[in-house]
Each structure stands twice: as C-alpha cells, then as structure tokens.
C-alpha atoms as a PDB file:
ATOM      1  CA  UNK A   1      -0.024   0.018   0.036  1.00  0.00           C
ATOM      2  CA  UNK A   2       1.391   3.373  -0.990  1.00  0.00           C
ATOM      3  CA  UNK A   3       0.744   6.714   0.623  1.00  0.00           C
ATOM      4  CA  UNK A   4      -0.758   7.647   3.757  1.00  0.00           C
ATOM      5  CA  UNK A   5      -4.115   5.796   4.113  1.00  0.00           C
ATOM      6  CA  UNK A   6      -5.113   8.281   7.059  1.00  0.00           C
ATOM      7  CA  UNK A   7      -4.935  11.075   4.668  1.00  0.00           C
ATOM      8  CA  UNK A   8      -7.028   9.345   1.972  1.00  0.00           C
ATOM      9  CA  UNK A   9      -9.843  10.935   0.273  1.00  0.00           C
ATOM     10  CA  UNK A  10     -12.760   8.548  -0.627  1.00  0.00           C
ATOM     11  CA  UNK A  11     -15.571   9.238  -2.973  1.00  0.00           C
ATOM     12  CA  UNK A  12     -18.173   7.104  -5.022  1.00  0.00           C
ATOM     13  CA  UNK A  13     -17.599   6.311  -8.788  1.00  0.00           C
ATOM     14  CA  UNK A  14     -19.913   5.016 -11.251  1.00  0.00           C
ATOM     15  CA  UNK A  15     -18.178   3.013 -14.231  1.00  0.00           C
ATOM     16  CA  UNK A  16     -19.692   2.154 -17.540  1.00  0.00           C
ATOM     17  CA  UNK A  17     -17.518  -0.576 -19.114  1.00  0.00           C
ATOM     18  CA  UNK A  18     -17.254  -1.132 -22.924  1.00  0.00           C
ATOM     19  CA  UNK A  19     -17.915   2.834 -23.050  1.00  0.00           C
ATOM     20  CA  UNK A  20     -15.877   3.191 -26.566  1.00  0.00           C
ATOM     21  CA  UNK A  21     -13.231   5.456 -24.704  1.00  0.00           C
ATOM     22  CA  UNK A  22     -11.914   6.510 -21.340  1.00  0.00           C
ATOM     23  CA  UNK A  23     -13.486   9.491 -20.216  1.00  0.00           C
ATOM     24  CA  UNK A  24     -14.924  11.212 -17.261  1.00  0.00           C
ATOM     25  CA  UNK A  25     -18.658  11.838 -17.820  1.00  0.00           C
ATOM     26  CA  UNK A  26     -19.273  14.200 -14.936  1.00  0.00           C
ATOM     27  CA  UNK A  27     -20.807  13.901 -11.566  1.00  0.00           C
ATOM     28  CA  UNK A  28     -24.276  12.416 -11.017  1.00  0.00           C
ATOM     29  CA  UNK A  29     -25.910  12.149  -7.491  1.00  0.00           C
ATOM     30  CA  UNK A  30     -22.656  12.403  -5.810  1.00  0.00           C
ATOM     31  CA  UNK A  31     -20.719   9.958  -7.704  1.00  0.00           C
ATOM     32  CA  UNK A  32     -18.130  10.495 -10.268  1.00  0.00           C
ATOM     33  CA  UNK A  33     -19.264   8.776 -13.708  1.00  0.00           C
ATOM     34  CA  UNK A  34     -16.785   7.306 -15.671  1.00  0.00           C
ATOM     35  CA  UNK A  35     -16.763   5.576 -19.232  1.00  0.00           C
ATOM     36  CA  UNK A  36     -13.909   3.111 -19.917  1.00  0.00           C
ATOM     37  CA  UNK A  37     -13.285   1.080 -23.132  1.00  0.00           C
ATOM     38  CA  UNK A  38     -12.100  -1.946 -21.221  1.00  0.00           C
ATOM     39  CA  UNK A  39     -14.526  -4.875 -20.835  1.00  0.00           C
ATOM     40  CA  UNK A  40     -15.397  -5.808 -17.186  1.00  0.00           C
ATOM     41  CA  UNK A  41     -13.598  -9.305 -17.518  1.00  0.00           C
ATOM     42  CA  UNK A  42     -10.911 -10.134 -15.039  1.00  0.00           C
ATOM     43  CA  UNK A  43     -10.966  -6.402 -13.529  1.00  0.00           C
ATOM     44  CA  UNK A  44     -10.000  -4.567 -16.715  1.00  0.00           C
ATOM     45  CA  UNK A  45     -12.771  -1.939 -16.445  1.00  0.00           C
ATOM     46  CA  UNK A  46     -11.789  -1.475 -12.811  1.00  0.00           C
ATOM     47  CA  UNK A  47      -8.001  -0.990 -13.574  1.00  0.00           C
ATOM     48  CA  UNK A  48      -8.905   1.504 -16.472  1.00  0.00           C
ATOM     49  CA  UNK A  49     -11.078   3.412 -14.101  1.00  0.00           C
ATOM     50  CA  UNK A  50      -8.411   3.795 -11.442  1.00  0.00           C
ATOM     51  CA  UNK A  51      -5.798   4.726 -14.100  1.00  0.00           C
ATOM     52  CA  UNK A  52      -8.179   7.373 -15.622  1.00  0.00           C
ATOM     53  CA  UNK A  53      -8.863   8.835 -12.124  1.00  0.00           C
ATOM     54  CA  UNK A  54      -5.055   9.022 -11.519  1.00  0.00           C
ATOM     55  CA  UNK A  55      -4.741  10.722 -14.801  1.00  0.00           C
ATOM     56  CA  UNK A  56      -7.364  13.244 -14.424  1.00  0.00           C
ATOM     57  CA  UNK A  57      -6.046  14.179 -10.958  1.00  0.00           C
ATOM     58  CA  UNK A  58      -2.497  14.317 -11.869  1.00  0.00           C
ATOM     59  CA  UNK A  59      -1.471  11.824  -9.360  1.00  0.00           C
ATOM     60  CA  UNK A  60       0.657   8.539  -9.527  1.00  0.00           C
ATOM     61  CA  UNK A  61      -1.616   5.615 -10.276  1.00  0.00           C
ATOM     62  CA  UNK A  62      -0.184   3.641  -7.072  1.00  0.00           C
ATOM     63  CA  UNK A  63      -2.306   6.325  -4.923  1.00  0.00           C
ATOM     64  CA  UNK A  64      -5.511   5.439  -6.339  1.00  0.00           C
ATOM     65  CA  UNK A  65      -7.075   2.426  -4.502  1.00  0.00           C
ATOM     66  CA  UNK A  66     -10.254   0.481  -4.940  1.00  0.00           C
ATOM     67  CA  UNK A  67     -12.201  -0.005  -1.412  1.00  0.00           C
ATOM     68  CA  UNK A  68     -15.241  -1.896  -2.690  1.00  0.00           C
ATOM     69  CA  UNK A  69     -17.301  -2.727  -5.628  1.00  0.00           C
ATOM     70  CA  UNK A  70     -14.714  -4.751  -7.610  1.00  0.00           C
ATOM     71  CA  UNK A  71     -17.275  -6.550  -9.389  1.00  0.00           C
ATOM     72  CA  UNK A  72     -19.898  -3.810  -9.454  1.00  0.00           C
ATOM     73  CA  UNK A  73     -20.450  -0.614 -11.592  1.00  0.00           C
ATOM     74  CA  UNK A  74     -20.586   1.223  -8.191  1.00  0.00           C
ATOM     75  CA  UNK A  75     -17.182   1.495  -6.467  1.00  0.00           C
ATOM     76  CA  UNK A  76     -15.865   3.196  -3.694  1.00  0.00           C
ATOM     77  CA  UNK A  77     -12.287   4.692  -4.205  1.00  0.00           C
ATOM     78  CA  UNK A  78      -9.634   6.335  -2.220  1.00  0.00           C
ATOM     79  CA  UNK A  79      -6.906   8.578  -3.237  1.00  0.00           C
ATOM     80  CA  UNK A  80      -4.009   8.714  -1.020  1.00  0.00           C
ATOM     81  CA  UNK A  81      -2.355  12.088   0.081  1.00  0.00           C
ATOM     82  CA  UNK A  82      -4.821  14.182  -2.054  1.00  0.00           C
ATOM     83  CA  UNK A  83      -5.818  17.409  -0.895  1.00  0.00           C
ATOM     84  CA  UNK A  84      -9.772  17.522  -0.357  1.00  0.00           C
ATOM     85  CA  UNK A  85     -10.030  20.992  -1.872  1.00  0.00           C
ATOM     86  CA  UNK A  86      -8.252  19.708  -5.071  1.00  0.00           C
ATOM     87  CA  UNK A  87     -10.886  17.056  -5.546  1.00  0.00           C
ATOM     88  CA  UNK A  88     -13.660  19.560  -4.815  1.00  0.00           C
ATOM     89  CA  UNK A  89     -12.248  22.148  -7.206  1.00  0.00           C
ATOM     90  CA  UNK A  90     -11.964  19.596  -9.891  1.00  0.00           C
ATOM     91  CA  UNK A  91     -15.697  17.951  -9.240  1.00  0.00           C
ATOM     92  CA  UNK A  92     -17.660  20.425  -7.180  1.00  0.00           C
ATOM     93  CA  UNK A  93     -20.606  18.190  -6.914  1.00  0.00           C
ATOM     94  CA  UNK A  94     -18.751  15.062  -5.784  1.00  0.00           C
ATOM     95  CA  UNK A  95     -19.578  15.423  -2.111  1.00  0.00           C
ATOM     96  CA  UNK A  96     -16.553  14.529  -0.365  1.00  0.00           C
END
C-alpha cells in the first residue's frame, strides 16, 4: 500500500465498461461517472477506471485504490495524499 491511508480522500464512482473510450462523464448524485473502453472481465474495467482517475487528478496511479465494488459498476475509491479541496475544485458536486 502506498501513501498515507489516514489522509486518503474517499468518493463514489460509477463505471460504464465497454464505453468506447476512457473519459469522465461528470458527477451524478454525488458519484463520479466514468466511461472506460475496457470490458469488465478480469477487473480490466476497474483497473482502467483507477488509471483514468489518477490521470485526471495528476497523481501517481499507485495512490488510487479501490475500497469496494470490484465486481460492481458502483465503486468506492480512495486517493492517498490528496488535498480534499483539489478534488472538490475539480468536481464540485462530488460531495466528499
């Protein structure tokens, strides 16, 4: 585990696998909605979602962790050592 989990920011994510491209669609009902090109088989869509979040936030991929929802479209994600204000400024409706 990398980073400081006591300083992790947690938030909900809704992933649409096989979405044709990797993109953030916005925030709906307090969850970050993502579209990834990967299929859900063998955790590929989840891995793509975590990489996309890291890329969008400009943090190393090792700081983004899945908390729950490995087999679900609805997930809980934590980003270690991230300033909560940075996340809120990027996606104000996220509700962290």
